[in-house]
Amino acid sequence: MHEPPAPDTARLFLALLPPAAVQAVLAIHAAAWRWPADAAVYAGDDWHVTLHYIGPVPRARVDELQAGLSLPVTPFELRFGVPALWPHGLAVLLPMAVPPALQELHDAQGARLRQLGLRTDERPYRPHLTLARRAAQALPPAPPAWGWPVHAYVLMESTGRPESRYRVLQRYGDSGAAAALQA
């Protein structure tokens, strides 16, 4: 777990947020897992799919980044269906496939981050939704098969506070578009 950021910095990342209908189905799915007693299961408000982890930046740059990270979003459907246990005790859901428009958005954001003088992770992009930490012995239920149409992304701050882990700083794209669950 990351330490809380220094008061003059903000720990930022770009992400996709599941709409309320998806959060409701995700909550049912998460409740069906058999979690170890010490698992830290994420709350519904914390669920997201990270596009880019930006890391700590001076708060003086936040306004510049909010303006500079605006990119068009080609709508796509993100379908999840693969529960997985990753190293270091992470329980995640993986998409059934990476939509080309998602990879293109990720790549365009990476280029923009570099233009803004920020580092990017050069490893291949592995989109996922983290359900829990400290979950190495968790047993997943049957794989889910649902998704949502993506029309927007957000710039988020990691607060370091357990009661409110993340805060949306800026929305990009058509966040008012239909957000119905796709079964």
C-alpha atoms as a PDB file:
ATOM      1  CA  MET A   1       0.000   0.000   0.000  1.00  0.00           C
ATOM      2  CA  HIS A   2       1.250   3.471  -0.820  1.00  0.00           C
ATOM      3  CA  GLU A   3       1.980   5.979   1.922  1.00  0.00           C
ATOM      4  CA  PRO A   4      -0.207   9.103   2.011  1.00  0.00           C
ATOM      5  CA  PRO A   5       1.183  11.771  -0.331  1.00  0.00           C
ATOM      6  CA  ALA A   6       3.036  14.778   1.031  1.00  0.00           C
ATOM      7  CA  PRO A   7       0.687  17.745   1.595  1.00  0.00           C
ATOM      8  CA  ASP A   8       2.133  19.640  -1.382  1.00  0.00           C
ATOM      9  CA  THR A   9       1.769  16.686  -3.784  1.00  0.00           C
ATOM     10  CA  ALA A  10      -1.127  14.739  -5.249  1.00  0.00           C
ATOM     11  CA  ARG A  11      -0.838  11.071  -6.246  1.00  0.00           C
ATOM     12  CA  LEU A  12      -2.731  10.880  -9.543  1.00  0.00           C
ATOM     13  CA  PHE A  13      -3.927   8.295 -12.034  1.00  0.00           C
ATOM     14  CA  LEU A  14      -6.222   8.071 -15.055  1.00  0.00           C
ATOM     15  CA  ALA A  15      -9.019   5.515 -14.844  1.00  0.00           C
ATOM     16  CA  LEU A  16     -12.314   4.159 -16.080  1.00  0.00           C
ATOM     17  CA  LEU A  17     -15.137   4.126 -13.545  1.00  0.00           C
ATOM     18  CA  PRO A  18     -17.863   1.477 -13.725  1.00  0.00           C
ATOM     19  CA  PRO A  19     -21.361   2.982 -13.763  1.00  0.00           C
ATOM     20  CA  ALA A  20     -23.830   2.296 -10.936  1.00  0.00           C
ATOM     21  CA  ALA A  21     -25.480  -0.665 -12.711  1.00  0.00           C
ATOM     22  CA  VAL A  22     -22.096  -2.344 -13.123  1.00  0.00           C
ATOM     23  CA  GLN A  23     -21.133  -1.585  -9.520  1.00  0.00           C
ATOM     24  CA  ALA A  24     -24.316  -3.329  -8.357  1.00  0.00           C
ATOM     25  CA  VAL A  25     -23.523  -6.504 -10.320  1.00  0.00           C
ATOM     26  CA  LEU A  26     -19.880  -6.289  -9.279  1.00  0.00           C
ATOM     27  CA  ALA A  27     -20.934  -6.131  -5.608  1.00  0.00           C
ATOM     28  CA  ILE A  28     -22.905  -9.369  -6.042  1.00  0.00           C
ATOM     29  CA  HIS A  29     -19.915 -10.982  -7.753  1.00  0.00           C
ATOM     30  CA  ALA A  30     -17.465  -9.795  -5.060  1.00  0.00           C
ATOM     31  CA  ALA A  31     -19.763 -11.116  -2.312  1.00  0.00           C
ATOM     32  CA  ALA A  32     -19.708 -14.568  -3.946  1.00  0.00           C
ATOM     33  CA  TRP A  33     -15.917 -14.912  -3.541  1.00  0.00           C
ATOM     34  CA  ARG A  34     -14.611 -16.845  -0.545  1.00  0.00           C
ATOM     35  CA  TRP A  35     -12.192 -14.322   0.960  1.00  0.00           C
ATOM     36  CA  PRO A  36      -9.454 -15.055   3.500  1.00  0.00           C
ATOM     37  CA  ALA A  37     -10.183 -13.525   6.915  1.00  0.00           C
ATOM     38  CA  ASP A  38      -7.559 -10.801   6.461  1.00  0.00           C
ATOM     39  CA  ALA A  39      -8.492  -9.879   2.866  1.00  0.00           C
ATOM     40  CA  ALA A  40      -8.992  -6.169   2.216  1.00  0.00           C
ATOM     41  CA  VAL A  41     -11.997  -6.188  -0.107  1.00  0.00           C
ATOM     42  CA  TYR A  42     -12.430  -2.892  -1.933  1.00  0.00           C
ATOM     43  CA  ALA A  43     -15.609  -0.877  -1.488  1.00  0.00           C
ATOM     44  CA  GLY A  44     -17.734  -0.244  -4.571  1.00  0.00           C
ATOM     45  CA  ASP A  45     -16.718   3.423  -4.681  1.00  0.00           C
ATOM     46  CA  ASP A  46     -13.081   2.323  -5.042  1.00  0.00           C
ATOM     47  CA  TRP A  47     -13.573   0.067  -8.088  1.00  0.00           C
ATOM     48  CA  HIS A  48     -11.930   1.360 -11.238  1.00  0.00           C
ATOM     49  CA  VAL A  49      -9.786   0.264 -14.158  1.00  0.00           C
ATOM     50  CA  THR A  50      -6.487   2.147 -14.129  1.00  0.00           C
ATOM     51  CA  LEU A  51      -5.410   3.546 -17.479  1.00  0.00           C
ATOM     52  CA  HIS A  52      -2.172   5.176 -16.272  1.00  0.00           C
ATOM     53  CA  TYR A  53      -0.657   5.593 -12.831  1.00  0.00           C
ATOM     54  CA  ILE A  54       0.865   9.073 -12.837  1.00  0.00           C
ATOM     55  CA  GLY A  55       2.196   9.107  -9.296  1.00  0.00           C
ATOM     56  CA  PRO A  56       2.997  12.021  -7.020  1.00  0.00           C
ATOM     57  CA  VAL A  57       3.007  15.428  -8.703  1.00  0.00           C
ATOM     58  CA  PRO A  58       3.238  18.908  -7.204  1.00  0.00           C
ATOM     59  CA  ARG A  59      -0.233  20.268  -6.437  1.00  0.00           C
ATOM     60  CA  ALA A  60       0.791  23.385  -8.367  1.00  0.00           C
ATOM     61  CA  ARG A  61       0.630  21.264 -11.568  1.00  0.00           C
ATOM     62  CA  VAL A  62      -2.831  19.749 -11.027  1.00  0.00           C
ATOM     63  CA  ASP A  63      -4.719  22.476 -12.966  1.00  0.00           C
ATOM     64  CA  GLU A  64      -2.259  22.182 -15.865  1.00  0.00           C
ATOM     65  CA  LEU A  65      -2.683  18.404 -15.942  1.00  0.00           C
ATOM     66  CA  GLN A  66      -6.476  18.591 -15.711  1.00  0.00           C
ATOM     67  CA  ALA A  67      -6.475  20.741 -18.857  1.00  0.00           C
ATOM     68  CA  GLY A  68      -3.652  18.907 -20.628  1.00  0.00           C
ATOM     69  CA  LEU A  69      -5.019  15.382 -20.264  1.00  0.00           C
ATOM     70  CA  SER A  70      -8.226  15.966 -22.212  1.00  0.00           C
ATOM     71  CA  LEU A  71      -8.379  13.534 -25.153  1.00  0.00           C
ATOM     72  CA  PRO A  72     -11.254  12.302 -27.320  1.00  0.00           C
ATOM     73  CA  VAL A  73     -12.759   8.940 -26.366  1.00  0.00           C
ATOM     74  CA  THR A  74     -13.860   6.490 -29.035  1.00  0.00           C
ATOM     75  CA  PRO A  75     -16.679   4.561 -27.314  1.00  0.00           C
ATOM     76  CA  PHE A  76     -16.095   0.854 -26.702  1.00  0.00           C
ATOM     77  CA  GLU A  77     -17.534  -1.959 -24.631  1.00  0.00           C
ATOM     78  CA  LEU A  78     -15.410  -3.304 -21.785  1.00  0.00           C
ATOM     79  CA  ARG A  79     -16.463  -6.879 -20.932  1.00  0.00           C
ATOM     80  CA  PHE A  80     -15.156  -8.681 -17.871  1.00  0.00           C
ATOM     81  CA  GLY A  81     -15.164 -12.439 -17.492  1.00  0.00           C
ATOM     82  CA  VAL A  82     -11.866 -13.681 -16.036  1.00  0.00           C
ATOM     83  CA  PRO A  83     -11.293 -13.691 -12.247  1.00  0.00           C
ATOM     84  CA  ALA A  84      -7.621 -14.024 -11.343  1.00  0.00           C
ATOM     85  CA  LEU A  85      -5.275 -14.059  -8.364  1.00  0.00           C
ATOM     86  CA  TRP A  86      -2.147 -12.048  -9.055  1.00  0.00           C
ATOM     87  CA  PRO A  87       1.139 -12.048  -7.148  1.00  0.00           C
ATOM     88  CA  HIS A  88       1.268 -10.123  -3.890  1.00  0.00           C
ATOM     89  CA  GLY A  89      -2.294 -11.158  -2.981  1.00  0.00           C
ATOM     90  CA  LEU A  90      -4.316  -9.174  -5.520  1.00  0.00           C
ATOM     91  CA  ALA A  91      -7.724 -10.509  -6.568  1.00  0.00           C
ATOM     92  CA  VAL A  92      -8.652  -8.991  -9.925  1.00  0.00           C
ATOM     93  CA  LEU A  93     -11.112  -9.252 -12.774  1.00  0.00           C
ATOM     94  CA  LEU A  94      -9.654  -9.248 -16.271  1.00  0.00           C
ATOM     95  CA  PRO A  95     -11.433  -8.294 -19.468  1.00  0.00           C
ATOM     96  CA  MET A  96     -12.299 -11.082 -21.881  1.00  0.00           C
ATOM     97  CA  ALA A  97     -10.347  -9.086 -24.489  1.00  0.00           C
ATOM     98  CA  VAL A  98      -8.711  -5.664 -24.673  1.00  0.00           C
ATOM     99  CA  PRO A  99     -10.856  -3.578 -27.029  1.00  0.00           C
ATOM    100  CA  PRO A 100      -8.728  -1.812 -29.675  1.00  0.00           C
ATOM    101  CA  ALA A 101     -10.249   1.553 -28.659  1.00  0.00           C
ATOM    102  CA  LEU A 102      -9.119   0.955 -25.051  1.00  0.00           C
ATOM    103  CA  GLN A 103      -5.554   0.245 -26.162  1.00  0.00           C
ATOM    104  CA  GLU A 104      -5.637   3.328 -28.423  1.00  0.00           C
ATOM    105  CA  LEU A 105      -6.872   5.507 -25.539  1.00  0.00           C
ATOM    106  CA  HIS A 106      -4.150   4.117 -23.276  1.00  0.00           C
ATOM    107  CA  ASP A 107      -1.484   4.767 -25.927  1.00  0.00           C
ATOM    108  CA  ALA A 108      -2.724   8.320 -26.628  1.00  0.00           C
ATOM    109  CA  GLN A 109      -2.764   9.098 -22.917  1.00  0.00           C
ATOM    110  CA  GLY A 110       0.786   7.770 -22.582  1.00  0.00           C
ATOM    111  CA  ALA A 111       1.958  10.058 -25.382  1.00  0.00           C
ATOM    112  CA  ARG A 112       0.197  13.026 -23.767  1.00  0.00           C
ATOM    113  CA  LEU A 113       1.682  12.255 -20.353  1.00  0.00           C
ATOM    114  CA  ARG A 114       5.163  12.199 -21.896  1.00  0.00           C
ATOM    115  CA  GLN A 115       4.446  15.534 -23.655  1.00  0.00           C
ATOM    116  CA  LEU A 116       3.595  16.928 -20.233  1.00  0.00           C
ATOM    117  CA  GLY A 117       6.965  15.744 -18.906  1.00  0.00           C
ATOM    118  CA  LEU A 118       5.611  12.785 -16.937  1.00  0.00           C
ATOM    119  CA  ARG A 119       6.932   9.234 -16.945  1.00  0.00           C
ATOM    120  CA  THR A 120       4.840   6.305 -18.108  1.00  0.00           C
ATOM    121  CA  ASP A 121       5.047   2.598 -17.430  1.00  0.00           C
ATOM    122  CA  GLU A 122       6.641   0.972 -20.480  1.00  0.00           C
ATOM    123  CA  ARG A 123       5.366  -2.509 -19.673  1.00  0.00           C
ATOM    124  CA  PRO A 124       2.482  -3.839 -21.772  1.00  0.00           C
ATOM    125  CA  TYR A 125      -0.897  -2.545 -20.595  1.00  0.00           C
ATOM    126  CA  ARG A 126      -2.852  -5.114 -18.538  1.00  0.00           C
ATOM    127  CA  PRO A 127      -6.282  -3.656 -17.780  1.00  0.00           C
ATOM    128  CA  HIS A 128      -7.907  -5.079 -14.676  1.00  0.00           C
ATOM    129  CA  LEU A 129     -10.296  -4.233 -11.882  1.00  0.00           C
ATOM    130  CA  THR A 130      -8.903  -4.923  -8.400  1.00  0.00           C
ATOM    131  CA  LEU A 131     -11.435  -6.463  -6.026  1.00  0.00           C
ATOM    132  CA  ALA A 132      -9.210  -7.065  -2.989  1.00  0.00           C
ATOM    133  CA  ARG A 133      -5.704  -7.080  -1.552  1.00  0.00           C
ATOM    134  CA  ARG A 134      -4.263  -9.695   0.821  1.00  0.00           C
ATOM    135  CA  ALA A 135      -6.404 -12.234  -1.030  1.00  0.00           C
ATOM    136  CA  ALA A 136      -3.844 -14.853  -2.084  1.00  0.00           C
ATOM    137  CA  GLN A 137      -6.013 -17.734  -0.835  1.00  0.00           C
ATOM    138  CA  ALA A 138      -9.331 -16.372  -2.150  1.00  0.00           C
ATOM    139  CA  LEU A 139     -11.610 -18.669  -4.129  1.00  0.00           C
ATOM    140  CA  PRO A 140     -13.487 -16.978  -6.970  1.00  0.00           C
ATOM    141  CA  PRO A 141     -17.016 -17.927  -7.979  1.00  0.00           C
ATOM    142  CA  ALA A 142     -17.943 -18.836 -11.538  1.00  0.00           C
ATOM    143  CA  PRO A 143     -16.514 -16.315 -13.986  1.00  0.00           C
ATOM    144  CA  PRO A 144     -18.723 -13.293 -14.604  1.00  0.00           C
ATOM    145  CA  ALA A 145     -19.718 -12.245 -18.097  1.00  0.00           C
ATOM    146  CA  TRP A 146     -20.751  -8.622 -18.137  1.00  0.00           C
ATOM    147  CA  GLY A 147     -19.450  -5.263 -19.188  1.00  0.00           C
ATOM    148  CA  TRP A 148     -20.328  -1.673 -19.882  1.00  0.00           C
ATOM    149  CA  PRO A 149     -20.114   0.796 -22.751  1.00  0.00           C
ATOM    150  CA  VAL A 150     -17.229   3.194 -22.061  1.00  0.00           C
ATOM    151  CA  HIS A 151     -17.590   6.804 -23.208  1.00  0.00           C
ATOM    152  CA  ALA A 152     -15.406   8.621 -20.673  1.00  0.00           C
ATOM    153  CA  TYR A 153     -12.445   8.449 -18.318  1.00  0.00           C
ATOM    154  CA  VAL A 154     -11.373  10.361 -15.208  1.00  0.00           C
ATOM    155  CA  LEU A 155      -8.309  11.886 -13.565  1.00  0.00           C
ATOM    156  CA  MET A 156      -8.275  10.673  -9.963  1.00  0.00           C
ATOM    157  CA  GLU A 157      -6.302  11.418  -6.846  1.00  0.00           C
ATOM    158  CA  SER A 158      -5.344   8.698  -4.393  1.00  0.00           C
ATOM    159  CA  THR A 159      -6.015  10.283  -1.000  1.00  0.00           C
ATOM    160  CA  GLY A 160      -4.282   7.725   1.206  1.00  0.00           C
ATOM    161  CA  ARG A 161      -7.304   7.799   3.549  1.00  0.00           C
ATOM    162  CA  PRO A 162      -9.170   4.517   4.173  1.00  0.00           C
ATOM    163  CA  GLU A 163     -12.581   6.202   4.451  1.00  0.00           C
ATOM    164  CA  SER A 164     -12.268   7.777   0.998  1.00  0.00           C
ATOM    165  CA  ARG A 165      -9.460   6.137  -0.945  1.00  0.00           C
ATOM    166  CA  TYR A 166      -9.903   8.048  -4.237  1.00  0.00           C
ATOM    167  CA  ARG A 167     -11.272  11.396  -5.424  1.00  0.00           C
ATOM    168  CA  VAL A 168     -12.292  12.311  -8.984  1.00  0.00           C
ATOM    169  CA  LEU A 169     -10.584  15.530 -10.083  1.00  0.00           C
ATOM    170  CA  GLN A 170     -11.714  15.726 -13.716  1.00  0.00           C
ATOM    171  CA  ARG A 171     -13.999  13.833 -16.123  1.00  0.00           C
ATOM    172  CA  TYR A 172     -13.188  13.523 -19.833  1.00  0.00           C
ATOM    173  CA  GLY A 173     -15.372  12.357 -22.698  1.00  0.00           C
ATOM    174  CA  ASP A 174     -19.128  11.858 -22.708  1.00  0.00           C
ATOM    175  CA  SER A 175     -19.801  10.952 -19.087  1.00  0.00           C
ATOM    176  CA  GLY A 176     -23.529  11.504 -19.636  1.00  0.00           C
ATOM    177  CA  ALA A 177     -23.761   8.737 -22.242  1.00  0.00           C
ATOM    178  CA  ALA A 178     -25.786   5.624 -21.546  1.00  0.00           C
ATOM    179  CA  ALA A 179     -24.127   3.498 -18.887  1.00  0.00           C
ATOM    180  CA  ALA A 180     -26.297   0.421 -18.988  1.00  0.00           C
ATOM    181  CA  LEU A 181     -24.997  -2.956 -17.964  1.00  0.00           C
ATOM    182  CA  GLN A 182     -24.265  -5.245 -20.899  1.00  0.00           C
ATOM    183  CA  ALA A 183     -24.917  -8.870 -19.998  1.00  0.00           C
END
